[in-house]
N, C-alpha and C. Protein backbone atom coordinates (compact mmCIF):
# COMPACT_ATOMS: atom_id res chain seq x y z
N MET A 1 -10.62 -7.25 9.44
CA MET A 1 -11.09 -6.80 8.57
C MET A 1 -10.43 -6.34 7.07
N SER A 2 -10.84 -6.23 6.11
CA SER A 2 -10.49 -5.96 4.39
C SER A 2 -11.81 -5.65 3.71
N LEU A 3 -11.32 -4.27 3.09
CA LEU A 3 -12.43 -3.73 2.06
C LEU A 3 -12.21 -4.73 0.76
N PRO A 4 -13.54 -4.64 0.29
CA PRO A 4 -12.81 -5.11 -1.67
C PRO A 4 -11.98 -4.22 -2.09
N GLY A 5 -11.01 -4.78 -2.78
CA GLY A 5 -10.30 -4.07 -3.77
C GLY A 5 -9.69 -2.69 -2.45
N THR A 6 -9.70 -3.06 -1.51
CA THR A 6 -8.47 -2.81 -0.70
C THR A 6 -6.21 -3.31 -1.05
N ASP A 7 -5.86 -2.36 -0.66
CA ASP A 7 -4.53 -2.58 -0.14
C ASP A 7 -4.09 -1.89 1.24
N THR A 8 -3.80 -3.27 1.05
CA THR A 8 -4.50 -3.86 3.72
C THR A 8 -2.93 -2.68 4.59
N ALA A 9 -1.92 -2.87 3.35
CA ALA A 9 -0.91 -2.33 4.03
C ALA A 9 -1.86 -1.07 4.10
N THR A 10 -2.52 0.06 3.28
CA THR A 10 -2.84 1.25 4.17
C THR A 10 -3.93 1.65 4.34
N ILE A 11 -5.03 0.92 4.54
CA ILE A 11 -5.91 1.15 5.62
C ILE A 11 -5.91 1.70 6.62
N PRO A 12 -5.30 0.93 7.60
CA PRO A 12 -4.23 2.13 9.41
C PRO A 12 -4.39 3.51 8.72
N ALA A 13 -3.98 3.17 7.70
CA ALA A 13 -3.57 4.56 7.42
C ALA A 13 -5.16 5.36 7.10
N ALA A 14 -5.54 4.73 6.45
CA ALA A 14 -7.62 4.85 6.15
C ALA A 14 -8.11 5.50 6.83
N HIS A 15 -8.12 4.61 8.48
CA HIS A 15 -8.92 4.69 9.64
C HIS A 15 -8.24 5.11 11.06
N GLY A 16 -8.40 6.84 10.58
CA GLY A 16 -7.45 7.23 12.35
C GLY A 16 -5.80 7.43 11.59
N GLY A 17 -5.41 7.34 10.95
CA GLY A 17 -4.18 7.43 10.98
C GLY A 17 -3.56 8.86 10.53
N GLN A 18 -2.83 9.15 10.19
CA GLN A 18 -2.64 10.05 8.64
C GLN A 18 -2.40 9.55 7.51
N VAL A 19 -3.12 9.98 6.77
CA VAL A 19 -3.05 9.80 5.36
C VAL A 19 -2.22 10.70 4.56
N ASP A 20 -1.68 11.58 5.04
CA ASP A 20 -0.73 12.67 3.85
C ASP A 20 0.20 11.79 4.82
N ARG A 21 0.75 11.21 5.33
CA ARG A 21 2.36 10.81 6.05
C ARG A 21 2.58 9.22 4.84
N MET A 22 3.98 9.53 4.76
CA MET A 22 4.93 8.65 3.66
C MET A 22 5.48 7.70 4.31
N PHE A 23 5.23 6.12 4.09
CA PHE A 23 5.79 5.51 4.27
C PHE A 23 7.42 5.17 4.42
N PRO A 24 7.80 4.84 5.61
CA PRO A 24 8.71 5.13 6.14
C PRO A 24 10.05 4.57 5.68
N LYS A 25 11.05 4.30 5.55
CA LYS A 25 11.77 4.28 4.97
C LYS A 25 12.13 2.60 5.12
N ASP A 26 12.19 1.55 5.85
CA ASP A 26 11.99 0.60 5.60
C ASP A 26 11.38 0.06 5.53
N SER A 27 10.17 0.34 5.44
CA SER A 27 9.00 0.15 4.11
C SER A 27 9.61 -0.49 2.59
N PRO A 28 8.77 -1.43 2.10
CA PRO A 28 9.42 -1.52 0.44
C PRO A 28 8.16 -0.02 -0.48
N LYS A 29 7.53 0.86 0.32
CA LYS A 29 7.10 1.61 -0.86
C LYS A 29 7.39 3.33 -0.48
N HIS A 30 8.88 3.44 0.51
CA HIS A 30 9.28 4.46 0.70
C HIS A 30 9.14 5.23 0.29
N GLY A 31 8.85 6.45 0.91
CA GLY A 31 8.79 7.66 0.02
C GLY A 31 7.13 7.99 -0.14
N LEU A 32 6.42 6.52 -0.33
CA LEU A 32 5.32 6.98 -1.16
C LEU A 32 3.88 7.88 -0.21
N LEU A 33 3.19 7.86 -0.89
CA LEU A 33 1.91 8.11 0.48
C LEU A 33 1.06 7.25 0.13
N PRO A 34 -0.01 7.16 1.48
CA PRO A 34 -0.68 5.90 0.23
C PRO A 34 -1.58 6.49 -0.56
N LEU A 35 -1.49 7.70 -0.74
CA LEU A 35 -2.64 7.47 -2.45
C LEU A 35 -1.62 7.63 -3.32
N HIS A 36 0.01 7.54 -3.23
CA HIS A 36 0.09 6.86 -4.52
C HIS A 36 0.69 4.95 -4.80
N VAL A 37 -0.14 5.39 -3.52
CA VAL A 37 0.08 3.44 -3.55
C VAL A 37 -1.28 2.95 -4.28
N SER A 38 -2.25 3.39 -3.68
CA SER A 38 -3.59 3.82 -4.12
C SER A 38 -3.55 3.50 -5.59
N ILE A 39 -2.23 4.64 -6.54
CA ILE A 39 -2.48 4.48 -7.23
C ILE A 39 -1.45 4.06 -8.82
N GLU A 40 -0.23 3.69 -7.82
CA GLU A 40 -0.09 2.05 -8.53
C GLU A 40 -0.40 0.67 -8.21
N ASN A 41 -1.53 1.05 -7.62
CA ASN A 41 -2.48 -0.48 -7.39
C ASN A 41 -3.29 -0.81 -8.47
N GLU A 42 -3.73 0.61 -8.69
CA GLU A 42 -4.63 0.87 -10.18
C GLU A 42 -5.21 0.41 -9.12
N ASN A 43 -6.06 0.85 -7.72
CA ASN A 43 -7.12 0.43 -6.45
C ASN A 43 -7.44 2.11 -6.38
N MET A 44 -8.89 2.22 -7.03
CA MET A 44 -10.32 2.86 -7.19
C MET A 44 -10.66 3.27 -5.88
N THR A 45 -10.65 2.10 -4.93
CA THR A 45 -11.62 2.32 -3.55
C THR A 45 -10.36 2.46 -2.81
N MET A 46 -9.59 1.81 -2.75
CA MET A 46 -8.94 2.28 -1.70
C MET A 46 -8.96 4.12 -1.91
N ALA A 47 -8.12 4.50 -3.10
CA ALA A 47 -8.02 5.97 -3.54
C ALA A 47 -9.24 6.91 -2.65
N LYS A 48 -10.53 6.11 -2.94
CA LYS A 48 -11.87 6.70 -2.20
C LYS A 48 -12.30 6.66 -1.01
N VAL A 49 -11.40 5.66 -0.26
CA VAL A 49 -11.43 5.31 1.53
C VAL A 49 -10.12 6.53 2.09
N LEU A 50 -8.96 7.09 1.02
CA LEU A 50 -8.25 7.68 1.50
C LEU A 50 -9.06 9.18 1.17
N PHE A 51 -9.41 9.18 0.40
CA PHE A 51 -10.22 10.39 0.38
C PHE A 51 -11.34 10.96 1.31
N GLY A 52 -12.01 9.81 1.97
CA GLY A 52 -13.23 10.42 2.96
C GLY A 52 -12.38 10.24 3.94
N ALA A 53 -11.06 10.12 4.12
CA ALA A 53 -10.50 10.51 5.52
C ALA A 53 -9.28 11.22 5.17
N GLY A 54 -9.43 12.12 4.16
CA GLY A 54 -9.17 13.50 4.14
C GLY A 54 -7.48 13.96 3.88
N ALA A 55 -7.14 12.43 2.29
CA ALA A 55 -6.03 13.35 1.16
C ALA A 55 -6.51 13.70 0.50
N ASP A 56 -5.26 14.28 0.73
CA ASP A 56 -4.64 15.24 -0.39
C ASP A 56 -4.59 14.69 -1.66
N PRO A 57 -5.53 15.85 -2.20
CA PRO A 57 -4.72 14.99 -3.83
C PRO A 57 -3.98 15.35 -3.61
N ASP A 58 -3.18 16.64 -3.69
CA ASP A 58 -2.30 17.16 -4.20
C ASP A 58 -1.20 17.73 -3.29
N GLY A 59 -1.00 15.86 -2.18
CA GLY A 59 0.24 15.77 -1.66
C GLY A 59 1.25 15.70 -2.42
N VAL A 60 2.33 16.17 -2.18
CA VAL A 60 3.56 14.37 -3.25
C VAL A 60 4.30 14.07 -2.32
N MET A 61 4.99 13.04 -2.92
CA MET A 61 5.13 11.98 -2.12
C MET A 61 7.04 12.98 -2.27
N ARG A 62 7.84 12.06 -2.25
CA ARG A 62 9.45 12.52 -1.69
C ARG A 62 10.71 12.53 -2.73
N ASP A 63 9.64 13.00 -4.40
CA ASP A 63 10.70 12.99 -4.64
C ASP A 63 9.37 14.33 -5.41
N GLY A 64 9.02 14.93 -4.77
CA GLY A 64 8.17 16.20 -5.35
C GLY A 64 6.59 16.27 -5.99
N ILE A 65 6.35 14.48 -6.58
CA ILE A 65 5.49 14.51 -7.57
C ILE A 65 3.75 13.65 -7.08
N THR A 66 2.84 14.47 -7.51
CA THR A 66 1.37 14.71 -7.52
C THR A 66 1.41 13.32 -7.50
N PRO A 67 0.34 13.28 -6.72
CA PRO A 67 -0.77 11.76 -7.69
C PRO A 67 -1.45 11.92 -9.23
N LEU A 68 -1.57 12.82 -9.59
CA LEU A 68 -2.04 13.53 -10.68
C LEU A 68 -0.97 13.09 -11.64
N ASN A 69 0.03 13.32 -11.23
CA ASN A 69 0.85 13.93 -12.02
C ASN A 69 1.46 11.76 -12.33
N TYR A 70 1.94 11.95 -11.03
CA TYR A 70 1.92 10.38 -11.02
C TYR A 70 1.20 8.92 -11.80
N CYS A 71 -0.24 9.33 -11.72
CA CYS A 71 -1.17 8.06 -11.94
C CYS A 71 -0.76 8.72 -14.00
N ILE A 72 -0.65 10.04 -13.93
CA ILE A 72 -0.11 10.24 -15.42
C ILE A 72 0.56 9.00 -15.97
N SER A 73 2.35 10.33 -15.56
CA SER A 73 3.54 8.62 -15.38
C SER A 73 3.73 6.82 -15.18
N ARG A 74 2.51 6.62 -14.90
CA ARG A 74 2.15 5.02 -14.61
C ARG A 74 2.38 4.56 -15.25
N ARG A 75 0.28 4.96 -16.08
CA ARG A 75 -0.30 4.43 -17.25
C ARG A 75 -1.41 5.82 -17.79
N ASP A 76 -2.00 5.82 -18.62
CA ASP A 76 -3.57 6.52 -18.87
C ASP A 76 -4.44 5.43 -18.88
N ASP A 77 -4.56 6.34 -17.62
CA ASP A 77 -5.73 5.83 -15.90
C ASP A 77 -6.68 6.95 -16.11
N PRO A 78 -7.86 7.28 -17.57
CA PRO A 78 -8.96 8.35 -17.52
C PRO A 78 -9.32 8.20 -15.79
N GLU A 79 -9.64 7.38 -16.27
CA GLU A 79 -10.98 7.66 -14.71
C GLU A 79 -10.25 7.52 -13.10
N MET A 80 -8.92 7.68 -13.43
CA MET A 80 -8.06 7.18 -12.68
C MET A 80 -7.97 8.89 -12.08
N ALA A 81 -6.89 9.70 -13.15
CA ALA A 81 -7.33 10.94 -13.26
C ALA A 81 -8.39 11.77 -13.40
N ARG A 82 -9.31 11.46 -13.26
CA ARG A 82 -11.41 12.26 -13.58
C ARG A 82 -11.52 11.86 -12.24
N MET A 83 -11.29 11.19 -11.40
CA MET A 83 -11.28 11.02 -9.99
C MET A 83 -10.00 12.29 -9.28
N LEU A 84 -8.97 11.67 -9.32
CA LEU A 84 -8.56 12.79 -8.64
C LEU A 84 -8.94 14.30 -9.22
N ILE A 85 -9.30 14.65 -9.67
CA ILE A 85 -9.62 16.15 -10.53
C ILE A 85 -10.53 16.68 -9.86
N GLN A 86 -11.82 15.18 -9.60
CA GLN A 86 -12.77 15.40 -9.23
C GLN A 86 -12.94 16.08 -6.99
N GLU A 87 -11.82 15.01 -6.77
CA GLU A 87 -11.18 15.73 -5.64
C GLU A 87 -10.85 16.86 -5.14
N GLY A 88 -10.58 17.19 -6.30
CA GLY A 88 -9.69 18.93 -5.39
C GLY A 88 -8.33 18.49 -6.71
N ALA A 89 -7.48 17.70 -7.35
CA ALA A 89 -5.83 18.25 -7.29
C ALA A 89 -6.23 18.90 -8.30
N ASN A 90 -5.21 19.83 -8.37
CA ASN A 90 -5.30 20.47 -9.28
C ASN A 90 -4.17 20.50 -10.43
N ILE A 91 -5.04 21.04 -11.49
CA ILE A 91 -4.31 20.15 -13.29
C ILE A 91 -3.59 21.46 -13.93
N HIS A 92 -3.40 22.25 -12.30
CA HIS A 92 -1.91 22.88 -13.45
C HIS A 92 -0.60 23.02 -12.57
N LYS A 93 -0.89 22.44 -11.32
CA LYS A 93 0.31 22.50 -10.80
C LYS A 93 1.75 21.37 -10.95
N THR A 94 3.10 21.96 -11.22
CA THR A 94 4.14 20.82 -11.39
C THR A 94 4.42 20.16 -11.06
N SER A 95 5.31 18.15 -11.24
CA SER A 95 5.27 18.15 -10.35
C SER A 95 6.93 17.73 -11.50
N GLU A 96 8.10 17.19 -11.02
CA GLU A 96 9.41 17.28 -11.83
C GLU A 96 9.71 18.66 -13.00
N ASN A 97 9.02 19.15 -13.16
CA ASN A 97 8.97 20.23 -13.69
C ASN A 97 8.27 20.04 -15.17
N LEU A 98 6.76 19.51 -15.14
CA LEU A 98 6.41 19.39 -15.99
C LEU A 98 3.98 19.44 -15.12
N THR A 99 3.66 20.27 -16.04
CA THR A 99 2.42 20.39 -15.35
C THR A 99 1.77 18.99 -16.29
N PRO A 100 0.46 18.79 -14.64
CA PRO A 100 0.06 17.41 -15.74
C PRO A 100 -0.04 17.32 -17.76
N ILE A 101 -0.78 18.11 -18.24
CA ILE A 101 -0.93 18.46 -19.15
C ILE A 101 0.16 17.92 -20.07
N GLU A 102 1.37 18.29 -19.01
CA GLU A 102 3.08 18.82 -20.62
C GLU A 102 2.82 16.56 -20.18
N LYS A 103 3.10 16.61 -18.82
CA LYS A 103 3.20 15.23 -18.72
C LYS A 103 2.25 14.77 -19.66
N ALA A 104 0.74 14.91 -20.03
CA ALA A 104 0.47 13.60 -20.75
C ALA A 104 0.86 13.82 -21.92
N THR A 105 0.89 14.79 -22.41
CA THR A 105 1.94 15.00 -23.41
C THR A 105 3.60 14.36 -24.01
N SER A 106 3.77 14.30 -23.13
CA SER A 106 5.63 13.48 -23.33
C SER A 106 5.20 12.16 -22.76
N CYS A 107 4.24 12.32 -22.87
CA CYS A 107 3.81 10.22 -21.92
C CYS A 107 2.79 9.24 -23.06
N ASP A 108 2.61 10.39 -23.70
CA ASP A 108 1.43 9.66 -24.72
C ASP A 108 0.21 8.76 -24.19
N ARG A 109 0.13 9.89 -23.10
CA ARG A 109 -1.30 9.65 -22.90
C ARG A 109 -2.94 11.03 -23.07
N GLN A 110 -3.52 10.26 -24.36
CA GLN A 110 -4.75 10.52 -24.66
C GLN A 110 -5.10 10.43 -24.53
N LEU A 111 -5.52 9.57 -23.57
CA LEU A 111 -6.95 9.12 -22.70
C LEU A 111 -7.23 10.21 -21.21
N SER A 112 -5.90 10.96 -20.59
CA SER A 112 -5.94 10.75 -19.65
C SER A 112 -5.88 12.15 -20.01
N LEU A 113 -5.31 12.44 -20.74
CA LEU A 113 -5.26 14.50 -22.75
C LEU A 113 -6.53 15.10 -22.14
N LYS A 114 -7.86 13.78 -23.03
CA LYS A 114 -8.63 14.54 -22.97
C LYS A 114 -8.94 14.44 -21.88
N VAL A 115 -9.75 13.75 -20.25
CA VAL A 115 -9.77 14.11 -19.20
C VAL A 115 -8.67 15.81 -18.63
N LEU A 116 -8.16 16.58 -18.70
CA LEU A 116 -7.20 17.18 -18.88
C LEU A 116 -8.08 18.75 -19.49
N GLN A 117 -8.63 18.13 -20.96
CA GLN A 117 -8.64 19.12 -21.50
C GLN A 117 -9.77 19.52 -21.56
N GLU A 118 -10.77 18.17 -20.56
CA GLU A 118 -11.98 18.17 -20.08
C GLU A 118 -11.98 19.54 -18.51
N ALA A 119 -10.70 19.26 -17.83
CA ALA A 119 -11.38 20.09 -16.86
C ALA A 119 -10.92 21.45 -17.13
N THR A 120 -9.94 21.22 -17.71
CA THR A 120 -9.54 22.86 -18.21
C THR A 120 -10.67 23.38 -18.57
N ARG A 121 -12.18 23.16 -20.17
CA ARG A 121 -12.90 24.11 -20.55
C ARG A 121 -13.42 23.70 -19.33
N ASP A 122 -14.16 22.57 -18.57
CA ASP A 122 -14.88 22.76 -17.30
C ASP A 122 -15.09 24.39 -16.46
N GLU A 123 -13.41 24.25 -15.81
CA GLU A 123 -12.87 25.64 -15.00
C GLU A 123 -13.68 26.73 -15.73
N GLU A 124 -12.98 27.41 -17.27
CA GLU A 124 -13.11 28.04 -18.50
C GLU A 124 -14.37 28.44 -18.28
N THR A 125 -16.12 28.13 -17.77
CA THR A 125 -16.65 27.25 -18.33
C THR A 125 -17.68 27.85 -16.77
N SER A 126 -17.04 27.46 -16.03
CA SER A 126 -17.00 27.88 -14.15
C SER A 126 -16.34 29.83 -14.26
N PHE A 127 -15.73 29.74 -15.07
CA PHE A 127 -15.82 31.15 -14.45
C PHE A 127 -16.36 31.93 -15.98
N GLY A 128 -16.60 32.43 -16.56
CA GLY A 128 -17.88 32.26 -17.43
C GLY A 128 -16.43 33.29 -18.15
N GLY A 129 -15.33 33.20 -18.61
CA GLY A 129 -14.62 33.87 -19.47
C GLY A 129 -14.39 34.34 -19.17
N ARG A 130 -14.36 34.78 -17.89
CA ARG A 130 -13.05 35.67 -17.23
C ARG A 130 -11.99 35.44 -16.28
N SER A 131 -11.18 36.08 -15.98
CA SER A 131 -9.60 35.62 -15.80
C SER A 131 -9.91 35.55 -14.72
N SER A 132 -9.15 35.23 -13.61
CA SER A 132 -9.08 34.91 -12.79
C SER A 132 -7.47 33.13 -12.14
N ASP A 133 -7.38 33.97 -10.90
CA ASP A 133 -5.75 33.42 -10.73
C ASP A 133 -6.20 31.59 -10.50
N SER A 134 -6.87 30.72 -10.88
CA SER A 134 -7.36 29.85 -11.52
C SER A 134 -6.94 29.50 -12.58
N ILE A 135 -7.40 29.87 -13.14
CA ILE A 135 -6.72 29.48 -14.59
C ILE A 135 -6.01 31.07 -15.53
N SER A 136 -5.35 31.61 -16.85
CA SER A 136 -5.00 31.61 -16.68
C SER A 136 -5.19 32.01 -18.87
N HIS A 137 -4.61 32.96 -20.01
CA HIS A 137 -5.46 32.33 -20.24
C HIS A 137 -3.77 31.85 -21.51
N ALA A 138 -2.78 31.76 -20.07
CA ALA A 138 -1.43 31.26 -20.75
C ALA A 138 -1.66 29.69 -20.62
N GLN A 139 -2.26 28.98 -20.04
CA GLN A 139 -2.34 28.01 -19.06
C GLN A 139 -3.67 27.08 -20.84
N THR A 140 -4.90 28.04 -21.00
CA THR A 140 -5.71 27.81 -21.41
C THR A 140 -4.57 27.27 -22.95
N GLU A 141 -3.69 28.37 -23.44
CA GLU A 141 -2.71 28.13 -24.34
C GLU A 141 -1.81 26.87 -25.16
N GLU A 142 -1.07 26.88 -22.94
CA GLU A 142 -0.86 25.59 -23.08
C GLU A 142 -1.42 24.23 -23.46
N VAL A 143 -2.51 24.36 -22.98
CA VAL A 143 -3.89 23.08 -23.42
C VAL A 143 -3.98 22.59 -24.70
N VAL A 144 -3.85 23.80 -25.59
CA VAL A 144 -4.06 24.14 -26.53
C VAL A 144 -3.11 23.46 -27.60
N ARG A 145 -1.63 24.36 -27.22
CA ARG A 145 -0.43 23.41 -27.53
C ARG A 145 -0.47 21.90 -27.35
N ALA A 146 -0.55 21.42 -26.16
CA ALA A 146 -0.40 20.20 -25.87
C ALA A 146 -1.20 19.48 -27.00
N SER A 147 -2.45 19.63 -27.34
CA SER A 147 -3.31 18.97 -28.08
C SER A 147 -3.43 19.18 -29.56
N GLN A 148 -2.36 19.90 -29.91
CA GLN A 148 -1.93 20.32 -31.16
C GLN A 148 -0.98 19.60 -31.15
N ASP A 149 -0.05 19.59 -30.14
CA ASP A 149 0.79 19.15 -30.60
C ASP A 149 1.15 17.01 -31.19
N LEU A 150 -0.40 16.19 -29.69
CA LEU A 150 -0.68 15.23 -30.20
C LEU A 150 -0.78 14.98 -30.60
N GLU A 151 -1.76 15.57 -32.10
CA GLU A 151 -2.73 15.95 -32.77
C GLU A 151 -1.46 15.71 -33.78
N SER A 152 -0.74 16.74 -33.93
CA SER A 152 0.69 16.05 -34.49
C SER A 152 1.57 15.03 -34.94
N ASP A 153 2.15 14.66 -33.66
CA ASP A 153 2.83 13.80 -33.26
C ASP A 153 2.02 12.39 -34.28
N SER A 154 0.58 12.11 -34.00
CA SER A 154 -0.21 11.02 -34.20
C SER A 154 -0.62 10.81 -36.32
N SER A 155 -0.61 11.98 -36.52
CA SER A 155 -0.56 11.86 -37.78
C SER A 155 0.59 11.12 -38.64
N GLU A 156 1.95 11.93 -37.62
CA GLU A 156 3.16 11.96 -38.44
C GLU A 156 3.30 10.23 -38.31
N GLY A 157 2.74 9.76 -37.14
CA GLY A 157 2.88 8.57 -37.00
C GLY A 157 1.78 7.32 -37.92
N SER A 158 1.03 8.08 -38.22
CA SER A 158 0.07 7.32 -39.47
C SER A 158 0.64 7.35 -40.94
N GLN A 159 1.92 8.39 -40.77
CA GLN A 159 2.08 8.34 -42.68
C GLN A 159 3.29 6.95 -42.65
N ARG A 160 3.76 7.04 -40.94
CA ARG A 160 4.76 6.25 -41.74
C ARG A 160 4.45 5.15 -42.44
């Protein structure tokens, strides 16, 4: 039996298997985690099934890439990015030496960047402006810089 909108290659993992185990070398998806495959296939249903089975929202594939950075690098998909964040993806975790905010800026993913900015503001609000281990002043400045860079790049492009 298959669920609508699911990748049958990852269903066994979601049903009692190890949801954070990479696909083996002999697989066309070698080195990917099932969550990364659901992102690659733009499959929100499969991602939800995997999260329901305990998938790690920060699990890294063989190259050390987090699901959130993978999502941002593949396309500007704010709904998938928002779901990853809601499921606990760390918006400050680096992969490929970039935070998700830096990745969104470098890939010109404006919609995803807005989701990341909202998540950063939500963090600030939930901590009442106090500093915490989860968010620092430097991280807040990073969001502001990324937003300014994106706005600057957009205005330069429209002047050409």
